[in-house]
Amino acid sequence: MAETPMRVEINGSLEGHGHLRDDNEHGDGRMELVTDLITNEHGFPQHEVVLAMGNTSPPITTPEQGKEYKARSRQHLGLNVDVLVAMMGSDTTTVNQILEGYDRPAEERWIDALKIFQRGVSNDEGASISSVDAILPLLEELDRREIKIPILWHAERLIDDKGKQIPILEREDYAVARDIDKVVRTCDASITIEHASSRHTVAYVRNRWREGKKIYAGIAPQYFVRTHDDLFRNARFHSHELCWPIYKDEASQMTIILAALSGEECFYFGSDIACHIDDMTRPNGVKITSHGEVCGGLSQTPATAKSLVIEAFEDAALLDTWKLNAFLSGNGMARFGRTAKAKTVYERRDWQVPEEIEWETAHGKHHVVPFLGGSTRRWQRVA
């Protein structure tokens, strides 16, 4: 008698950190690929809800732009996947803008979160803050008016308070200790630390949560399988695996995995799905530019990210617990005021991540190298 395949049932998941970019009409056609992967990789939608980041080109800096971008994204995602939009915060963002886009019934909002970068840290497309002090009055006023819009903070600093460059492995810890904590001590903001990669960040989130503060960590599964040394394995720089914040050491890696496995409501899934094009003839907007500069960010397919998470739970013998659903679905849904509607089934079935993906757009053929391309993954959606 044939052995029955191992299966797990997961409530419709929420992708807590996605980059849809833009379509042929408004951009370079990357939205077509990313949304196709979300809605149809392996023949099924990979997520029920996707939170799209506003650092597009040009960036989403007004509620009207958020409304238009949400409508455009829904045209590509179809009826089975809902989209939320994070507007980019800057020194000039106003309370009235937040009220116009967010102070509405949940299903009618133009924007669903506010994303914050410190200038120069990553791909902010010019929409960023000069310092924590520049955005603090806005956050205080939102708190005073009890507008609890989720704040999504890419917690890194390049320069310390004395004007010195911060070592790359310490940028996240510095930003959490100086910037995030300053906000938390000043007002009651609801903050997600995006792409948590440090064991100190996990400890900070837990401690603040126990104090009653709504501080979360978005966790991306690439941090389960890479440390900073892996970027330079075999005497090569694996640029297509570079992600900000940079991967840390094995102690932080294990702490991140254990945080995801814990099921604690302050930790939720956000894989940073994106499409970084390979085209070394272009000076910007690509993975490696014509100047030889490498853009932070990797091209991870939704099915790869989901399999990595389920593999981690399998390795820890936690597949049959509520914690897998909490991390992939429940915690993120609760964070953004959504409720899972669908049941999905994943089966233990080996499949191979493509080594490269090419597709035609109105702007020509695009080429990307997926994260973990060529590797065998263990879990695949079948229903």
Protein backbone atom coordinates (compact mmCIF):
# COMPACT_ATOMS: atom_id res chain seq x y z
CA MET A 1 0.00 0.00 0.00
CA ALA A 2 1.35 3.41 -0.96
CA GLU A 3 2.25 5.66 1.92
CA THR A 4 -0.09 8.63 2.41
CA PRO A 5 1.75 11.91 1.73
CA MET A 6 2.30 14.24 4.66
CA ARG A 7 -0.03 17.23 4.52
CA VAL A 8 -0.62 20.38 6.55
CA GLU A 9 -3.61 22.68 6.46
CA ILE A 10 -3.02 26.42 6.68
CA ASN A 11 -5.51 29.24 6.86
CA GLY A 12 -5.18 31.71 4.01
CA SER A 13 -1.89 33.45 4.72
CA LEU A 14 -0.94 37.12 4.80
CA GLU A 15 2.23 38.32 3.10
CA GLY A 16 3.28 41.03 5.52
CA HIS A 17 5.95 42.60 3.32
CA GLY A 18 5.67 42.58 -0.46
CA HIS A 19 7.03 44.67 -3.31
CA LEU A 20 4.69 44.55 -6.30
CA ARG A 21 6.55 47.36 -8.14
CA ASP A 22 4.54 48.51 -11.17
CA ASP A 23 2.95 47.32 -14.37
CA ASN A 24 3.73 47.86 -18.05
CA GLU A 25 1.65 51.00 -18.29
CA HIS A 26 3.05 52.76 -15.24
CA GLY A 27 6.45 51.09 -14.78
CA ASP A 28 8.68 48.40 -16.23
CA GLY A 29 6.34 45.42 -16.02
CA ARG A 30 7.61 43.80 -12.84
CA MET A 31 4.12 43.87 -11.31
CA GLU A 32 2.94 41.40 -13.93
CA LEU A 33 5.51 38.81 -12.83
CA VAL A 34 5.17 39.31 -9.07
CA THR A 35 1.37 39.23 -9.09
CA ASP A 36 1.36 36.19 -11.36
CA LEU A 37 3.60 34.34 -8.89
CA ILE A 38 1.37 35.38 -5.98
CA THR A 39 -1.84 34.30 -7.71
CA ASN A 40 -0.71 31.28 -9.70
CA GLU A 41 2.63 29.76 -8.63
CA HIS A 42 2.11 25.97 -8.74
CA GLY A 43 -1.41 26.66 -9.95
CA PHE A 44 -2.76 28.22 -6.73
CA PRO A 45 -2.83 31.61 -5.00
CA GLN A 46 0.03 31.63 -2.50
CA HIS A 47 -1.48 34.33 -0.27
CA GLU A 48 -4.91 35.60 0.64
CA VAL A 49 -3.72 39.10 1.60
CA VAL A 50 -0.60 40.98 0.45
CA LEU A 51 0.77 44.15 2.03
CA ALA A 52 2.43 46.15 -0.77
CA MET A 53 5.21 48.55 0.16
CA GLY A 54 5.08 52.07 -1.24
CA ASN A 55 8.74 52.44 -2.24
CA THR A 56 7.81 52.13 -5.88
CA SER A 57 9.21 54.42 -8.56
CA PRO A 58 7.93 57.06 -8.07
CA PRO A 59 7.14 56.34 -4.41
CA ILE A 60 3.65 56.42 -2.89
CA THR A 61 3.72 59.51 -0.70
CA THR A 62 0.08 60.65 -0.74
CA PRO A 63 -3.19 58.89 0.08
CA GLU A 64 -4.45 59.57 -3.44
CA GLN A 65 -1.47 57.69 -4.87
CA GLY A 66 -2.19 54.85 -2.43
CA LYS A 67 -5.80 54.66 -3.60
CA GLU A 68 -4.78 54.53 -7.26
CA TYR A 69 -2.01 51.99 -6.64
CA LYS A 70 -4.34 49.74 -4.66
CA ALA A 71 -6.88 49.76 -7.48
CA ARG A 72 -4.21 48.98 -10.07
CA SER A 73 -2.76 46.16 -7.97
CA ARG A 74 -6.18 44.59 -7.52
CA GLN A 75 -6.62 44.47 -11.29
CA HIS A 76 -3.56 42.22 -11.48
CA LEU A 77 -4.19 40.19 -8.31
CA GLY A 78 -7.82 39.41 -9.11
CA LEU A 79 -10.61 38.53 -6.72
CA ASN A 80 -8.83 35.85 -4.68
CA VAL A 81 -6.07 38.05 -3.25
CA ASP A 82 -6.65 41.27 -1.32
CA VAL A 83 -4.03 44.02 -1.28
CA LEU A 84 -3.08 46.49 1.44
CA VAL A 85 -0.82 49.48 0.72
CA ALA A 86 1.85 51.11 2.90
CA MET A 87 2.43 54.78 2.13
CA MET A 88 5.98 56.09 2.51
CA GLY A 89 6.60 58.46 5.41
CA SER A 90 8.90 61.47 5.12
CA ASP A 91 9.79 64.69 6.94
CA THR A 92 6.82 66.37 5.22
CA THR A 93 4.11 63.75 5.79
CA THR A 94 1.12 65.36 7.54
CA VAL A 95 -1.55 64.17 9.92
CA ASN A 96 -4.21 65.25 7.45
CA GLN A 97 -2.74 62.94 4.81
CA ILE A 98 -2.91 60.02 7.21
CA LEU A 99 -6.47 60.88 8.20
CA GLU A 100 -7.57 61.17 4.59
CA GLY A 101 -6.18 57.79 3.61
CA TYR A 102 -6.57 55.73 6.80
CA ASP A 103 -9.43 57.14 8.88
CA ARG A 104 -12.06 55.13 7.01
CA PRO A 105 -13.76 51.73 7.34
CA ALA A 106 -11.07 49.07 6.89
CA GLU A 107 -12.33 47.88 3.51
CA GLU A 108 -12.45 51.45 2.15
CA ARG A 109 -9.01 52.68 3.19
CA TRP A 110 -6.68 54.17 0.61
CA ILE A 111 -3.64 53.35 2.73
CA ASP A 112 -3.26 50.70 5.41
CA ALA A 113 0.14 51.46 6.96
CA LEU A 114 2.97 53.98 7.00
CA LYS A 115 6.45 52.78 6.06
CA ILE A 116 9.54 54.52 7.40
CA PHE A 117 13.12 54.46 6.18
CA GLN A 118 15.98 56.58 7.44
CA ARG A 119 17.54 58.35 4.49
CA GLY A 120 20.13 56.35 2.56
CA VAL A 121 19.47 53.03 4.28
CA SER A 122 17.81 51.17 1.42
CA ASN A 123 15.66 51.52 -1.66
CA ASP A 124 13.44 54.36 -0.44
CA GLU A 125 13.11 55.99 -3.90
CA GLY A 126 13.63 59.37 -2.26
CA ALA A 127 10.83 58.99 0.30
CA SER A 128 12.47 58.76 3.72
CA ILE A 129 13.08 60.60 6.98
CA SER A 130 16.18 62.59 7.84
CA SER A 131 16.04 61.51 11.49
CA VAL A 132 13.70 60.09 14.09
CA ASP A 133 13.16 63.61 15.41
CA ALA A 134 11.75 64.64 12.02
CA ILE A 135 8.91 62.09 12.17
CA LEU A 136 8.32 62.10 15.93
CA PRO A 137 5.87 65.08 15.99
CA LEU A 138 3.69 63.29 13.42
CA LEU A 139 3.65 60.09 15.47
CA GLU A 140 2.87 62.00 18.65
CA GLU A 141 -0.05 63.78 16.99
CA LEU A 142 -1.40 60.50 15.60
CA ASP A 143 -1.21 59.05 19.11
CA ARG A 144 -2.99 62.08 20.58
CA ARG A 145 -5.82 61.65 18.05
CA GLU A 146 -5.84 57.86 18.63
CA ILE A 147 -5.12 57.08 14.97
CA LYS A 148 -3.47 53.66 15.30
CA ILE A 149 -2.12 53.26 11.78
CA PRO A 150 0.53 50.49 11.68
CA ILE A 151 4.03 51.96 11.44
CA LEU A 152 6.40 49.74 9.44
CA TRP A 153 9.96 50.71 10.32
CA HIS A 154 13.03 49.51 8.43
CA ALA A 155 15.25 49.75 11.50
CA GLU A 156 18.75 50.62 10.34
CA ARG A 157 21.00 53.64 10.83
CA LEU A 158 24.07 54.45 8.73
CA ILE A 159 25.49 57.25 10.89
CA ASP A 160 25.51 57.44 14.68
CA ASP A 161 24.67 60.46 16.81
CA LYS A 162 28.31 61.60 16.69
CA GLY A 163 28.45 61.53 12.90
CA LYS A 164 30.45 58.30 12.62
CA GLN A 165 29.56 55.43 10.30
CA ILE A 166 27.95 52.50 12.07
CA PRO A 167 29.43 49.03 11.34
CA ILE A 168 27.12 47.14 9.01
CA LEU A 169 26.34 44.34 11.48
CA GLU A 170 25.36 46.86 14.17
CA ARG A 171 23.02 49.12 12.18
CA GLU A 172 19.81 47.36 13.16
CA ASP A 173 20.68 47.17 16.86
CA TYR A 174 21.62 50.86 16.89
CA ALA A 175 18.38 51.93 15.18
CA VAL A 176 16.24 49.86 17.54
CA ALA A 177 18.01 51.15 20.65
CA ARG A 178 18.11 54.81 19.61
CA ASP A 179 15.24 55.42 17.17
CA ILE A 180 12.55 52.82 17.83
CA ASP A 181 12.96 53.05 21.57
CA LYS A 182 12.78 56.84 21.48
CA VAL A 183 9.40 56.60 19.74
CA VAL A 184 8.17 53.91 22.13
CA ARG A 185 9.14 56.01 25.16
CA THR A 186 7.51 59.11 23.69
CA CYS A 187 4.17 57.88 22.33
CA ASP A 188 1.98 54.82 21.97
CA ALA A 189 2.72 54.02 18.33
CA SER A 190 2.05 50.57 16.87
CA ILE A 191 5.35 49.64 15.21
CA THR A 192 6.60 46.69 13.20
CA ILE A 193 10.38 46.31 12.98
CA GLU A 194 10.69 45.04 9.43
CA HIS A 195 13.01 42.17 8.47
CA ALA A 196 14.11 41.51 12.05
CA SER A 197 17.54 39.90 11.79
CA SER A 198 19.17 40.36 15.19
CA ARG A 199 18.69 38.42 18.40
CA HIS A 200 18.65 41.76 20.21
CA THR A 201 15.66 42.90 18.13
CA VAL A 202 13.74 39.75 19.08
CA ALA A 203 14.49 40.35 22.76
CA TYR A 204 13.45 44.00 22.46
CA VAL A 205 10.12 43.14 20.82
CA ARG A 206 9.33 40.50 23.43
CA ASN A 207 10.18 42.80 26.32
CA ARG A 208 8.14 45.68 24.99
CA TRP A 209 5.20 43.39 24.19
CA ARG A 210 5.19 42.14 27.77
CA GLU A 211 5.01 45.77 28.89
CA GLY A 212 1.82 46.18 26.85
CA LYS A 213 3.43 48.00 23.92
CA LYS A 214 2.26 47.07 20.42
CA ILE A 215 5.71 46.38 18.99
CA TYR A 216 6.01 43.65 16.37
CA ALA A 217 8.70 42.03 14.26
CA GLY A 218 8.17 41.07 10.65
CA ILE A 219 10.21 37.96 9.92
CA ALA A 220 11.47 36.89 6.50
CA PRO A 221 12.47 33.23 5.96
CA GLN A 222 15.70 34.03 4.10
CA TYR A 223 17.09 34.79 7.56
CA PHE A 224 16.40 31.14 8.48
CA VAL A 225 18.93 29.84 5.97
CA ARG A 226 21.62 32.50 5.55
CA THR A 227 24.22 34.19 7.77
CA HIS A 228 26.51 37.02 6.70
CA ASP A 229 29.31 34.55 5.99
CA ASP A 230 27.11 32.76 3.43
CA LEU A 231 27.21 35.84 1.21
CA PHE A 232 30.91 35.14 0.61
CA ARG A 233 30.99 31.35 0.52
CA ASN A 234 33.39 29.62 -1.90
CA ALA A 235 35.39 32.86 -2.24
CA ARG A 236 32.56 34.54 -4.17
CA PHE A 237 30.15 37.36 -3.39
CA HIS A 238 26.64 36.00 -3.85
CA SER A 239 25.06 39.33 -4.70
CA HIS A 240 21.64 37.88 -5.53
CA GLU A 241 21.28 36.82 -1.89
CA LEU A 242 22.06 40.23 -0.39
CA CYS A 243 19.21 41.60 1.72
CA TRP A 244 18.91 44.55 4.11
CA PRO A 245 19.37 44.39 7.03
CA ILE A 246 22.32 42.15 6.31
CA TYR A 247 22.21 38.61 7.69
CA LYS A 248 23.78 38.23 11.13
CA ASP A 249 25.59 35.35 12.86
CA GLU A 250 24.30 31.88 13.70
CA ALA A 251 23.13 32.93 17.17
CA SER A 252 20.85 35.58 15.68
CA GLN A 253 19.75 33.18 12.94
CA MET A 254 18.60 30.61 15.50
CA THR A 255 16.86 33.29 17.56
CA ILE A 256 14.91 34.45 14.49
CA ILE A 257 13.86 30.88 13.72
CA LEU A 258 12.74 30.26 17.30
CA ALA A 259 10.75 33.51 17.29
CA ALA A 260 8.84 32.34 14.22
CA LEU A 261 8.31 28.89 15.73
CA SER A 262 7.00 30.36 18.98
CA GLY A 263 3.64 31.42 17.56
CA GLU A 264 3.79 34.57 19.71
CA GLU A 265 1.46 37.19 18.28
CA CYS A 266 4.19 39.83 18.03
CA PHE A 267 5.97 37.83 15.28
CA TYR A 268 4.49 37.44 11.82
CA PHE A 269 5.45 36.43 8.28
CA GLY A 270 6.73 39.02 5.80
CA SER A 271 9.01 37.55 3.16
CA ASP A 272 10.00 40.72 1.26
CA ILE A 273 8.80 39.23 -2.02
CA ALA A 274 10.19 41.31 -4.88
CA CYS A 275 11.56 41.17 -8.39
CA HIS A 276 15.06 42.56 -8.87
CA ILE A 277 15.94 42.63 -12.55
CA ASP A 278 19.35 41.68 -13.91
CA ASP A 279 20.41 44.30 -16.45
CA MET A 280 23.93 45.67 -16.07
CA THR A 281 23.36 48.17 -18.86
CA ARG A 282 21.15 50.31 -16.59
CA PRO A 283 22.50 52.82 -14.04
CA ASN A 284 19.73 52.21 -11.47
CA GLY A 285 16.56 50.27 -10.72
CA VAL A 286 18.25 46.88 -11.20
CA LYS A 287 20.06 44.33 -9.05
CA ILE A 288 23.55 45.11 -10.36
CA THR A 289 23.95 48.46 -12.11
CA SER A 290 26.17 49.51 -14.99
CA HIS A 291 28.46 51.03 -12.34
CA GLY A 292 28.84 47.65 -10.64
CA GLU A 293 26.78 48.70 -7.62
CA VAL A 294 24.66 45.99 -5.98
CA CYS A 295 21.13 46.78 -4.82
CA GLY A 296 20.00 45.25 -1.54
CA GLY A 297 17.06 42.87 -1.93
CA LEU A 298 16.50 39.44 -3.37
CA SER A 299 14.01 37.86 -5.77
CA GLN A 300 12.20 35.23 -3.71
CA THR A 301 9.12 33.48 -5.04
CA PRO A 302 6.10 33.10 -2.72
CA ALA A 303 6.19 29.31 -2.91
CA THR A 304 9.87 29.27 -1.90
CA ALA A 305 9.22 31.47 1.11
CA LYS A 306 6.24 29.41 2.25
CA SER A 307 8.14 26.14 1.87
CA LEU A 308 11.08 27.49 3.89
CA VAL A 309 8.72 28.28 6.76
CA ILE A 310 6.98 24.91 6.69
CA GLU A 311 10.37 23.18 6.47
CA ALA A 312 11.50 25.00 9.61
CA PHE A 313 8.39 23.86 11.48
CA GLU A 314 8.87 20.31 10.18
CA ASP A 315 12.50 20.25 11.32
CA ALA A 316 11.35 21.36 14.77
CA ALA A 317 8.57 18.74 14.87
CA LEU A 318 5.92 21.48 15.14
CA LEU A 319 3.89 20.84 12.00
CA ASP A 320 0.80 19.69 13.89
CA THR A 321 0.59 22.70 16.18
CA TRP A 322 -1.33 25.98 16.01
CA LYS A 323 1.94 27.86 15.85
CA LEU A 324 2.46 27.35 12.08
CA ASN A 325 -0.92 28.93 11.35
CA ALA A 326 -0.22 31.70 13.83
CA PHE A 327 3.02 32.71 12.14
CA LEU A 328 1.89 32.37 8.51
CA SER A 329 -1.66 33.62 8.95
CA GLY A 330 -3.23 34.53 12.27
CA ASN A 331 -0.69 36.97 13.66
CA GLY A 332 -0.38 38.99 10.47
CA MET A 333 -4.12 38.97 9.87
CA ALA A 334 -4.72 40.29 13.38
CA ARG A 335 -2.02 42.93 12.95
CA PHE A 336 -3.78 44.39 9.92
CA GLY A 337 -7.38 43.79 10.91
CA ARG A 338 -8.08 40.91 8.55
CA THR A 339 -9.57 37.45 9.02
CA ALA A 340 -8.49 34.43 6.97
CA LYS A 341 -11.29 33.15 4.76
CA ALA A 342 -9.74 30.20 2.93
CA LYS A 343 -8.19 26.87 3.91
CA THR A 344 -5.09 25.82 1.99
CA VAL A 345 -3.35 22.44 1.90
CA TYR A 346 0.38 21.88 1.55
CA GLU A 347 1.85 18.48 0.78
CA ARG A 348 5.34 17.18 1.37
CA ARG A 349 6.36 16.99 -2.27
CA ASP A 350 9.83 17.85 -3.57
CA TRP A 351 10.08 20.55 -6.22
CA GLN A 352 12.89 22.66 -7.61
CA VAL A 353 13.17 26.43 -7.48
CA PRO A 354 13.90 27.69 -11.02
CA GLU A 355 17.48 28.85 -11.54
CA GLU A 356 16.27 31.85 -13.50
CA ILE A 357 13.02 33.44 -14.61
CA GLU A 358 12.52 35.34 -17.86
CA TRP A 359 9.39 37.05 -19.09
CA GLU A 360 8.39 39.45 -21.83
CA THR A 361 7.03 42.90 -21.05
CA ALA A 362 6.12 45.94 -23.11
CA HIS A 363 9.63 47.16 -22.27
CA GLY A 364 11.45 44.05 -23.46
CA LYS A 365 12.55 40.79 -21.85
CA HIS A 366 13.32 40.81 -18.12
CA HIS A 367 15.60 38.35 -16.34
CA VAL A 368 15.82 37.56 -12.61
CA VAL A 369 17.76 35.07 -10.50
CA PRO A 370 15.45 33.67 -7.78
CA PHE A 371 16.70 33.19 -4.24
CA LEU A 372 17.78 29.55 -3.74
CA GLY A 373 17.43 28.94 -7.47
CA GLY A 374 18.18 25.32 -8.35
CA SER A 375 17.55 24.09 -4.81
CA THR A 376 14.99 21.45 -3.86
CA ARG A 377 12.21 22.54 -1.57
CA ARG A 378 10.00 20.10 0.35
CA TRP A 379 6.51 21.59 0.59
CA GLN A 380 4.08 22.59 -2.15
CA ARG A 381 0.49 23.81 -2.18
CA VAL A 382 -1.88 21.21 -3.62
CA ALA A 383 -5.33 22.52 -2.66
